[in-house]
Amino acid sequence: VRIREGQRFTVGGVIGFEEGSAELRPECCDELMAIATRVRGLEHKIEIRGHTSAVPLPVDSPYADHMDLSYARARAVSAWLTGTTDDRGRIDARRIRVEAAGPYEPLVHRAYDQPAWSRNDRVDIMMIEALTTEFEGEPGADGAQTALSDGPMGETYVAGK
């Protein structure tokens, strides 16, 4: 299956995290609600990409490495955006793609102190020009089917023959 994707547009501000943590800070919820309100009802795919600083993780960290931590951060934002309570985003999970970038896409490349490091501990939320409906399909004459299905962690899969 070949998927045509267009431009990516950043939606809202950066969602920051404490060093070594994937727990959403209370002040991030207002920003997430503003983003959810802005994109709710649209059909564009949403990419949530987690990032970390290059600061070594503590020995007792629950995360195997920076990629694991950045994925956990993106999953925390995804879980909030797809939540169903009044204080959550209520975005259709089929629209969301979760990605991990670890420390490999820093905002601050030469981070030598805690304030600079902390700018890299973040999640970016981008809207992709591709529409969710472009990924859905009907059974073909040969019995092939292309459809969306949700994985156990909220991932989106495109199934073929």
C-alpha atoms as a PDB file:
ATOM      1  CA  VAL A   1       0.000   0.000   0.000  1.00  0.00           C
ATOM      2  CA  ARG A   2       1.427   3.362  -0.948  1.00  0.00           C
ATOM      3  CA  ILE A   3       0.370   6.199   1.301  1.00  0.00           C
ATOM      4  CA  ARG A   4       0.522   9.770   0.076  1.00  0.00           C
ATOM      5  CA  GLU A   5       1.109  12.192   2.870  1.00  0.00           C
ATOM      6  CA  GLY A   6       1.337  15.921   2.530  1.00  0.00           C
ATOM      7  CA  GLN A   7       2.751  18.726   4.602  1.00  0.00           C
ATOM      8  CA  ARG A   8       2.959  18.654   8.388  1.00  0.00           C
ATOM      9  CA  PHE A   9       1.775  21.644  10.389  1.00  0.00           C
ATOM     10  CA  THR A  10       2.593  22.184  14.052  1.00  0.00           C
ATOM     11  CA  VAL A  11      -0.576  22.514  16.107  1.00  0.00           C
ATOM     12  CA  GLY A  12      -0.336  24.554  19.307  1.00  0.00           C
ATOM     13  CA  GLY A  13       2.716  24.906  21.476  1.00  0.00           C
ATOM     14  CA  VAL A  14       5.267  22.469  22.767  1.00  0.00           C
ATOM     15  CA  ILE A  15       4.177  20.142  25.578  1.00  0.00           C
ATOM     16  CA  GLY A  16       7.030  20.099  28.100  1.00  0.00           C
ATOM     17  CA  PHE A  17       8.003  17.390  30.589  1.00  0.00           C
ATOM     18  CA  GLU A  18      10.153  17.124  33.676  1.00  0.00           C
ATOM     19  CA  GLU A  19      13.557  15.547  33.099  1.00  0.00           C
ATOM     20  CA  GLY A  20      13.279  11.732  32.980  1.00  0.00           C
ATOM     21  CA  SER A  21       9.464  11.753  33.326  1.00  0.00           C
ATOM     22  CA  ALA A  22       6.551  10.922  31.021  1.00  0.00           C
ATOM     23  CA  GLU A  23       3.952  12.336  33.408  1.00  0.00           C
ATOM     24  CA  LEU A  24       1.920  15.236  32.035  1.00  0.00           C
ATOM     25  CA  ARG A  25       2.367  18.433  34.029  1.00  0.00           C
ATOM     26  CA  PRO A  26      -0.915  20.071  35.126  1.00  0.00           C
ATOM     27  CA  GLU A  27      -0.143  23.263  33.200  1.00  0.00           C
ATOM     28  CA  CYS A  28       0.055  21.258  29.952  1.00  0.00           C
ATOM     29  CA  CYS A  29      -3.619  20.278  30.151  1.00  0.00           C
ATOM     30  CA  ASP A  30      -4.799  23.786  29.192  1.00  0.00           C
ATOM     31  CA  GLU A  31      -2.565  23.712  26.104  1.00  0.00           C
ATOM     32  CA  LEU A  32      -3.791  20.207  25.221  1.00  0.00           C
ATOM     33  CA  MET A  33      -7.428  21.289  25.579  1.00  0.00           C
ATOM     34  CA  ALA A  34      -6.796  24.257  23.277  1.00  0.00           C
ATOM     35  CA  ILE A  35      -5.236  21.917  20.708  1.00  0.00           C
ATOM     36  CA  ALA A  36      -8.089  19.395  21.038  1.00  0.00           C
ATOM     37  CA  THR A  37     -10.692  22.122  20.587  1.00  0.00           C
ATOM     38  CA  ARG A  38      -8.877  23.379  17.503  1.00  0.00           C
ATOM     39  CA  VAL A  39      -8.579  19.994  15.738  1.00  0.00           C
ATOM     40  CA  ARG A  40     -11.736  18.218  16.966  1.00  0.00           C
ATOM     41  CA  GLY A  41     -14.111  17.577  14.076  1.00  0.00           C
ATOM     42  CA  LEU A  42     -11.386  17.739  11.422  1.00  0.00           C
ATOM     43  CA  GLU A  43     -10.336  14.585   9.595  1.00  0.00           C
ATOM     44  CA  HIS A  44      -6.596  15.217   9.314  1.00  0.00           C
ATOM     45  CA  LYS A  45      -4.165  12.712  10.793  1.00  0.00           C
ATOM     46  CA  ILE A  46      -2.358  13.920  13.920  1.00  0.00           C
ATOM     47  CA  GLU A  47       1.263  13.014  14.589  1.00  0.00           C
ATOM     48  CA  ILE A  48       2.434  13.073  18.206  1.00  0.00           C
ATOM     49  CA  ARG A  49       6.232  12.880  18.460  1.00  0.00           C
ATOM     50  CA  GLY A  50       8.008  12.464  21.786  1.00  0.00           C
ATOM     51  CA  HIS A  51      11.489  13.865  22.461  1.00  0.00           C
ATOM     52  CA  THR A  52      14.060  13.790  25.255  1.00  0.00           C
ATOM     53  CA  SER A  53      17.209  15.658  26.167  1.00  0.00           C
ATOM     54  CA  ALA A  54      20.495  13.767  25.960  1.00  0.00           C
ATOM     55  CA  VAL A  55      20.882  13.826  29.759  1.00  0.00           C
ATOM     56  CA  PRO A  56      21.565  10.234  30.893  1.00  0.00           C
ATOM     57  CA  LEU A  57      18.599   8.515  32.505  1.00  0.00           C
ATOM     58  CA  PRO A  58      18.893   7.613  36.194  1.00  0.00           C
ATOM     59  CA  VAL A  59      19.950   4.053  36.973  1.00  0.00           C
ATOM     60  CA  ASP A  60      16.523   3.384  38.522  1.00  0.00           C
ATOM     61  CA  SER A  61      14.579   4.823  35.565  1.00  0.00           C
ATOM     62  CA  PRO A  62      11.552   2.766  34.498  1.00  0.00           C
ATOM     63  CA  TYR A  63      12.548   3.486  30.879  1.00  0.00           C
ATOM     64  CA  ALA A  64      15.022   1.295  29.008  1.00  0.00           C
ATOM     65  CA  ASP A  65      16.483   4.231  27.076  1.00  0.00           C
ATOM     66  CA  HIS A  66      15.683   7.674  25.650  1.00  0.00           C
ATOM     67  CA  MET A  67      13.576   6.212  22.829  1.00  0.00           C
ATOM     68  CA  ASP A  68      11.434   4.369  25.378  1.00  0.00           C
ATOM     69  CA  LEU A  69      10.964   7.571  27.411  1.00  0.00           C
ATOM     70  CA  SER A  70      10.122   9.663  24.340  1.00  0.00           C
ATOM     71  CA  TYR A  71       7.545   7.069  23.241  1.00  0.00           C
ATOM     72  CA  ALA A  72       6.000   7.064  26.741  1.00  0.00           C
ATOM     73  CA  ARG A  73       5.693  10.854  26.555  1.00  0.00           C
ATOM     74  CA  ALA A  74       3.970  10.710  23.177  1.00  0.00           C
ATOM     75  CA  ARG A  75       1.648   7.963  24.491  1.00  0.00           C
ATOM     76  CA  ALA A  76       0.740  10.105  27.526  1.00  0.00           C
ATOM     77  CA  VAL A  77      -0.287  12.977  25.239  1.00  0.00           C
ATOM     78  CA  SER A  78      -2.170  10.580  22.945  1.00  0.00           C
ATOM     79  CA  ALA A  79      -4.027   9.077  25.917  1.00  0.00           C
ATOM     80  CA  TRP A  80      -5.034  12.545  27.099  1.00  0.00           C
ATOM     81  CA  LEU A  81      -6.196  13.639  23.633  1.00  0.00           C
ATOM     82  CA  THR A  82      -8.264  10.485  23.090  1.00  0.00           C
ATOM     83  CA  GLY A  83      -9.763  10.478  26.596  1.00  0.00           C
ATOM     84  CA  THR A  84     -13.540  10.542  26.902  1.00  0.00           C
ATOM     85  CA  THR A  85     -14.130  12.574  30.057  1.00  0.00           C
ATOM     86  CA  ASP A  86     -15.077  16.252  29.996  1.00  0.00           C
ATOM     87  CA  ASP A  87     -11.566  17.314  30.962  1.00  0.00           C
ATOM     88  CA  ARG A  88      -9.934  15.348  28.139  1.00  0.00           C
ATOM     89  CA  GLY A  89      -9.564  15.912  24.420  1.00  0.00           C
ATOM     90  CA  ARG A  90     -12.014  13.369  22.945  1.00  0.00           C
ATOM     91  CA  ILE A  91     -10.124  13.050  19.635  1.00  0.00           C
ATOM     92  CA  ASP A  92     -10.786   9.910  17.557  1.00  0.00           C
ATOM     93  CA  ALA A  93      -7.828   7.554  18.165  1.00  0.00           C
ATOM     94  CA  ARG A  94      -7.839   6.498  14.500  1.00  0.00           C
ATOM     95  CA  ARG A  95      -6.515   9.944  13.628  1.00  0.00           C
ATOM     96  CA  ILE A  96      -3.443   9.691  15.837  1.00  0.00           C
ATOM     97  CA  ARG A  97       0.056   8.432  15.034  1.00  0.00           C
ATOM     98  CA  VAL A  98       2.515   8.132  17.934  1.00  0.00           C
ATOM     99  CA  GLU A  99       6.260   8.427  17.260  1.00  0.00           C
ATOM    100  CA  ALA A 100       9.461   8.533  19.299  1.00  0.00           C
ATOM    101  CA  ALA A 101      12.478  10.643  18.361  1.00  0.00           C
ATOM    102  CA  GLY A 102      14.478  10.244  21.567  1.00  0.00           C
ATOM    103  CA  PRO A 103      17.293  12.808  21.836  1.00  0.00           C
ATOM    104  CA  TYR A 104      17.854  12.912  18.063  1.00  0.00           C
ATOM    105  CA  GLU A 105      15.745  15.979  17.138  1.00  0.00           C
ATOM    106  CA  PRO A 106      16.682  18.584  19.775  1.00  0.00           C
ATOM    107  CA  LEU A 107      15.348  22.139  19.799  1.00  0.00           C
ATOM    108  CA  VAL A 108      18.560  23.214  21.540  1.00  0.00           C
ATOM    109  CA  HIS A 109      21.569  21.480  19.978  1.00  0.00           C
ATOM    110  CA  ARG A 110      24.195  22.791  22.369  1.00  0.00           C
ATOM    111  CA  ALA A 111      22.459  22.291  25.685  1.00  0.00           C
ATOM    112  CA  TYR A 112      24.969  22.710  28.506  1.00  0.00           C
ATOM    113  CA  ASP A 113      22.692  23.475  31.449  1.00  0.00           C
ATOM    114  CA  GLN A 114      19.332  22.392  32.885  1.00  0.00           C
ATOM    115  CA  PRO A 115      17.221  25.196  31.319  1.00  0.00           C
ATOM    116  CA  ALA A 116      18.596  24.332  27.870  1.00  0.00           C
ATOM    117  CA  TRP A 117      18.182  20.571  28.409  1.00  0.00           C
ATOM    118  CA  SER A 118      14.596  20.996  29.541  1.00  0.00           C
ATOM    119  CA  ARG A 119      13.591  22.596  26.219  1.00  0.00           C
ATOM    120  CA  ASN A 120      14.363  19.230  24.583  1.00  0.00           C
ATOM    121  CA  ASP A 121      12.119  17.279  27.016  1.00  0.00           C
ATOM    122  CA  ARG A 122       8.933  17.732  25.007  1.00  0.00           C
ATOM    123  CA  VAL A 123       6.223  16.395  22.725  1.00  0.00           C
ATOM    124  CA  ASP A 124       5.387  18.014  19.389  1.00  0.00           C
ATOM    125  CA  ILE A 125       1.876  17.721  17.959  1.00  0.00           C
ATOM    126  CA  MET A 126       1.539  18.074  14.196  1.00  0.00           C
ATOM    127  CA  MET A 127      -1.401  17.844  11.851  1.00  0.00           C
ATOM    128  CA  ILE A 128      -0.674  15.995   8.606  1.00  0.00           C
ATOM    129  CA  GLU A 129      -2.242  17.104   5.346  1.00  0.00           C
ATOM    130  CA  ALA A 130      -3.483  13.527   4.715  1.00  0.00           C
ATOM    131  CA  LEU A 131      -7.083  12.868   5.756  1.00  0.00           C
ATOM    132  CA  THR A 132      -8.158   9.890   7.838  1.00  0.00           C
ATOM    133  CA  THR A 133     -10.673   8.917   5.150  1.00  0.00           C
ATOM    134  CA  GLU A 134      -7.831   8.529   2.623  1.00  0.00           C
ATOM    135  CA  PHE A 135      -6.646   5.538   4.649  1.00  0.00           C
ATOM    136  CA  GLU A 136      -9.985   3.704   4.661  1.00  0.00           C
ATOM    137  CA  GLY A 137     -11.077   1.316   1.938  1.00  0.00           C
ATOM    138  CA  GLU A 138     -13.636  -1.232   0.835  1.00  0.00           C
ATOM    139  CA  PRO A 139     -13.071  -4.859  -0.159  1.00  0.00           C
ATOM    140  CA  GLY A 140     -11.823  -5.039  -3.744  1.00  0.00           C
ATOM    141  CA  ALA A 141     -13.018  -7.360  -6.488  1.00  0.00           C
ATOM    142  CA  ASP A 142     -10.133  -9.708  -5.684  1.00  0.00           C
ATOM    143  CA  GLY A 143     -11.136  -9.892  -2.024  1.00  0.00           C
ATOM    144  CA  ALA A 144      -8.342  -7.586  -0.876  1.00  0.00           C
ATOM    145  CA  GLN A 145      -9.260  -5.165   1.836  1.00  0.00           C
ATOM    146  CA  THR A 146      -7.554  -2.013   2.977  1.00  0.00           C
ATOM    147  CA  ALA A 147      -8.870  -0.793   6.295  1.00  0.00           C
ATOM    148  CA  LEU A 148      -7.858   0.920   9.464  1.00  0.00           C
ATOM    149  CA  SER A 149      -7.500  -1.039  12.648  1.00  0.00           C
ATOM    150  CA  ASP A 150      -6.324   0.083  16.051  1.00  0.00           C
ATOM    151  CA  GLY A 151      -3.480  -1.698  17.790  1.00  0.00           C
ATOM    152  CA  PRO A 152      -3.471  -2.424  21.509  1.00  0.00           C
ATOM    153  CA  MET A 153      -1.418   0.720  22.197  1.00  0.00           C
ATOM    154  CA  GLY A 154      -3.505   3.012  19.959  1.00  0.00           C
ATOM    155  CA  GLU A 155      -1.353   2.506  16.870  1.00  0.00           C
ATOM    156  CA  THR A 156      -3.014   2.639  13.465  1.00  0.00           C
ATOM    157  CA  TYR A 157      -2.449  -0.206  11.040  1.00  0.00           C
ATOM    158  CA  VAL A 158      -3.302  -0.419   7.346  1.00  0.00           C
ATOM    159  CA  ALA A 159      -4.193  -4.002   6.431  1.00  0.00           C
ATOM    160  CA  GLY A 160      -3.924  -5.416   2.915  1.00  0.00           C
ATOM    161  CA  LYS A 161      -4.387  -8.855   1.356  1.00  0.00           C
END
